[in-house]
């Protein structure tokens, strides 16, 4: 299938929402836990940054291997995730921009034959490159919504 405009548009700009949502919010709000063992804004941003690097690895495997199978990504099981949590929020946002440019440039240069290549997700089954990208963007949008909610919590909650 040929890559379509809405996918490219979201891929090129959706991540910019992070900076817009958290602009003017102090570090205390960014690091405030909504509840014990629940992710704060920073944790969500670190997850999005880390998952972009995972997505790049997955895309490259799909493009170079015949239908690779992937485990479900869980930050809690990723030994590298702690390194991402240790990064400053501003640094994470810069890394997201860098990695997004890499993803975008990779995607816009794909042929229709390449976008038809598949990888297997443990829950969703065989997905082609465009479906993997939709999944990636929807996953990101879910975390953007969570960040929005956390940034707009009334005081005392």
Protein backbone atom coordinates (compact mmCIF):
# COMPACT_ATOMS: atom_id res chain seq x y z
CA UNK A 1 0.00 0.00 0.00
CA UNK A 2 1.17 3.50 -0.74
CA UNK A 3 1.95 5.75 2.21
CA UNK A 4 -0.90 8.21 2.79
CA UNK A 5 -0.97 11.87 3.77
CA UNK A 6 -2.54 11.58 7.22
CA UNK A 7 0.14 9.12 8.29
CA UNK A 8 2.94 11.36 7.03
CA UNK A 9 1.35 14.47 8.56
CA UNK A 10 1.04 12.88 12.01
CA UNK A 11 4.50 11.36 11.76
CA UNK A 12 6.00 14.75 10.98
CA UNK A 13 4.19 16.82 13.64
CA UNK A 14 2.32 14.81 16.28
CA UNK A 15 5.31 14.64 18.64
CA UNK A 16 5.52 18.45 18.73
CA UNK A 17 2.43 18.37 20.93
CA UNK A 18 4.61 17.41 23.91
CA UNK A 19 6.34 20.80 24.03
CA UNK A 20 3.05 22.62 23.56
CA UNK A 21 1.33 20.72 26.39
CA UNK A 22 4.12 21.21 28.90
CA UNK A 23 5.10 24.78 28.00
CA UNK A 24 4.79 26.94 31.08
CA UNK A 25 4.58 23.97 33.43
CA UNK A 26 7.17 23.88 36.19
CA UNK A 27 9.43 20.91 36.89
CA UNK A 28 7.44 20.10 40.03
CA UNK A 29 4.36 19.39 37.94
CA UNK A 30 6.36 17.43 35.35
CA UNK A 31 7.82 15.16 38.03
CA UNK A 32 4.73 14.93 40.28
CA UNK A 33 3.37 11.40 40.57
CA UNK A 34 -0.40 11.23 40.13
CA UNK A 35 -0.47 8.17 42.41
CA UNK A 36 1.98 5.67 43.83
CA UNK A 37 3.51 3.54 41.06
CA UNK A 38 1.89 5.67 38.34
CA UNK A 39 3.91 7.46 35.68
CA UNK A 40 4.30 11.21 35.81
CA UNK A 41 4.71 13.50 32.80
CA UNK A 42 8.48 12.94 32.64
CA UNK A 43 8.07 9.16 32.74
CA UNK A 44 5.60 9.30 29.85
CA UNK A 45 7.98 11.46 27.80
CA UNK A 46 10.88 9.10 28.57
CA UNK A 47 8.72 6.18 27.44
CA UNK A 48 7.86 7.94 24.17
CA UNK A 49 11.53 8.72 23.56
CA UNK A 50 12.63 5.16 24.28
CA UNK A 51 9.83 3.62 22.25
CA UNK A 52 10.87 5.66 19.20
CA UNK A 53 14.28 3.96 19.28
CA UNK A 54 12.54 0.59 19.63
CA UNK A 55 10.29 1.46 16.69
CA UNK A 56 13.31 2.37 14.52
CA UNK A 57 14.88 -1.01 15.35
CA UNK A 58 11.62 -2.79 14.52
CA UNK A 59 11.19 -0.97 11.22
CA UNK A 60 14.73 -1.84 10.20
CA UNK A 61 14.16 -5.50 11.06
CA UNK A 62 10.89 -5.59 9.11
CA UNK A 63 12.65 -4.09 6.11
CA UNK A 64 15.57 -6.53 6.28
CA UNK A 65 14.03 -9.81 7.55
CA UNK A 66 11.11 -11.93 6.44
CA UNK A 67 8.22 -11.22 8.83
CA UNK A 68 10.14 -10.95 12.11
CA UNK A 69 8.17 -11.62 15.29
CA UNK A 70 8.34 -9.12 18.13
CA UNK A 71 7.58 -9.37 21.81
CA UNK A 72 5.24 -6.83 23.31
CA UNK A 73 7.33 -3.87 24.48
CA UNK A 74 7.09 -3.23 28.22
CA UNK A 75 9.17 -0.43 29.67
CA UNK A 76 9.29 -2.25 33.00
CA UNK A 77 11.13 -5.15 31.32
CA UNK A 78 13.54 -2.92 29.38
CA UNK A 79 16.89 -2.50 31.18
CA UNK A 80 17.61 0.56 28.98
CA UNK A 81 14.48 2.39 30.14
CA UNK A 82 16.17 3.49 33.39
CA UNK A 83 18.75 5.40 31.33
CA UNK A 84 15.96 7.24 29.53
CA UNK A 85 14.25 8.07 32.83
CA UNK A 86 17.52 9.61 34.06
CA UNK A 87 17.61 12.06 31.16
CA UNK A 88 16.38 15.64 31.55
CA UNK A 89 12.93 16.31 30.05
CA UNK A 90 14.36 18.89 27.63
CA UNK A 91 16.97 16.39 26.48
CA UNK A 92 14.27 13.75 25.94
CA UNK A 93 12.24 16.13 23.78
CA UNK A 94 15.33 16.92 21.69
CA UNK A 95 15.99 13.19 21.24
CA UNK A 96 12.38 12.61 20.23
CA UNK A 97 12.79 15.25 17.51
CA UNK A 98 16.05 13.69 16.27
CA UNK A 99 14.61 10.16 16.18
CA UNK A 100 11.36 11.35 14.62
CA UNK A 101 13.31 12.92 11.77
CA UNK A 102 15.00 9.56 11.24
CA UNK A 103 11.65 7.73 11.22
CA UNK A 104 10.08 10.31 8.92
CA UNK A 105 12.98 10.19 6.45
CA UNK A 106 12.92 6.41 6.45
CA UNK A 107 9.17 6.28 5.83
CA UNK A 108 8.91 8.85 3.04
CA UNK A 109 11.55 7.03 0.99
CA UNK A 110 9.87 3.61 1.14
CA UNK A 111 8.55 1.98 -1.99
CA UNK A 112 5.09 0.41 -2.05
CA UNK A 113 6.79 -2.99 -2.00
CA UNK A 114 8.65 -2.01 1.19
CA UNK A 115 5.51 -0.70 2.91
CA UNK A 116 3.90 -4.09 2.26
CA UNK A 117 6.61 -5.88 4.28
CA UNK A 118 5.36 -7.35 7.54
CA UNK A 119 6.31 -8.09 11.12
CA UNK A 120 4.28 -9.99 13.68
CA UNK A 121 2.96 -8.37 16.85
CA UNK A 122 1.98 -10.79 19.67
CA UNK A 123 -1.47 -9.22 20.09
CA UNK A 124 -2.31 -7.79 16.66
CA UNK A 125 -0.71 -10.44 14.47
CA UNK A 126 0.91 -9.74 11.14
CA UNK A 127 1.13 -6.00 10.43
CA UNK A 128 2.61 -4.29 7.40
CA UNK A 129 4.92 -1.28 7.75
CA UNK A 130 2.05 1.21 7.50
CA UNK A 131 0.03 -0.65 10.13
CA UNK A 132 3.07 -0.73 12.42
CA UNK A 133 3.40 3.02 11.92
CA UNK A 134 -0.30 3.56 12.71
CA UNK A 135 0.14 1.48 15.86
CA UNK A 136 3.20 3.58 16.79
CA UNK A 137 1.32 6.86 16.27
CA UNK A 138 -1.79 5.72 18.14
CA UNK A 139 0.38 4.53 21.02
CA UNK A 140 2.08 7.92 21.06
CA UNK A 141 -1.29 9.71 20.94
CA UNK A 142 -2.44 7.72 23.97
CA UNK A 143 0.57 8.96 25.95
CA UNK A 144 0.08 12.52 24.68
CA UNK A 145 -3.46 12.40 26.05
CA UNK A 146 -2.11 11.10 29.37
CA UNK A 147 0.45 13.92 29.47
CA UNK A 148 -2.34 16.42 28.73
CA UNK A 149 -4.43 15.02 31.59
CA UNK A 150 -1.51 15.16 34.02
CA UNK A 151 -0.62 18.71 32.97
CA UNK A 152 -4.17 19.85 33.64
CA UNK A 153 -4.82 18.20 36.99
CA UNK A 154 -6.54 20.53 39.43
CA UNK A 155 -4.42 21.36 42.48
CA UNK A 156 -4.74 18.87 45.30
CA UNK A 157 -5.47 15.86 43.08
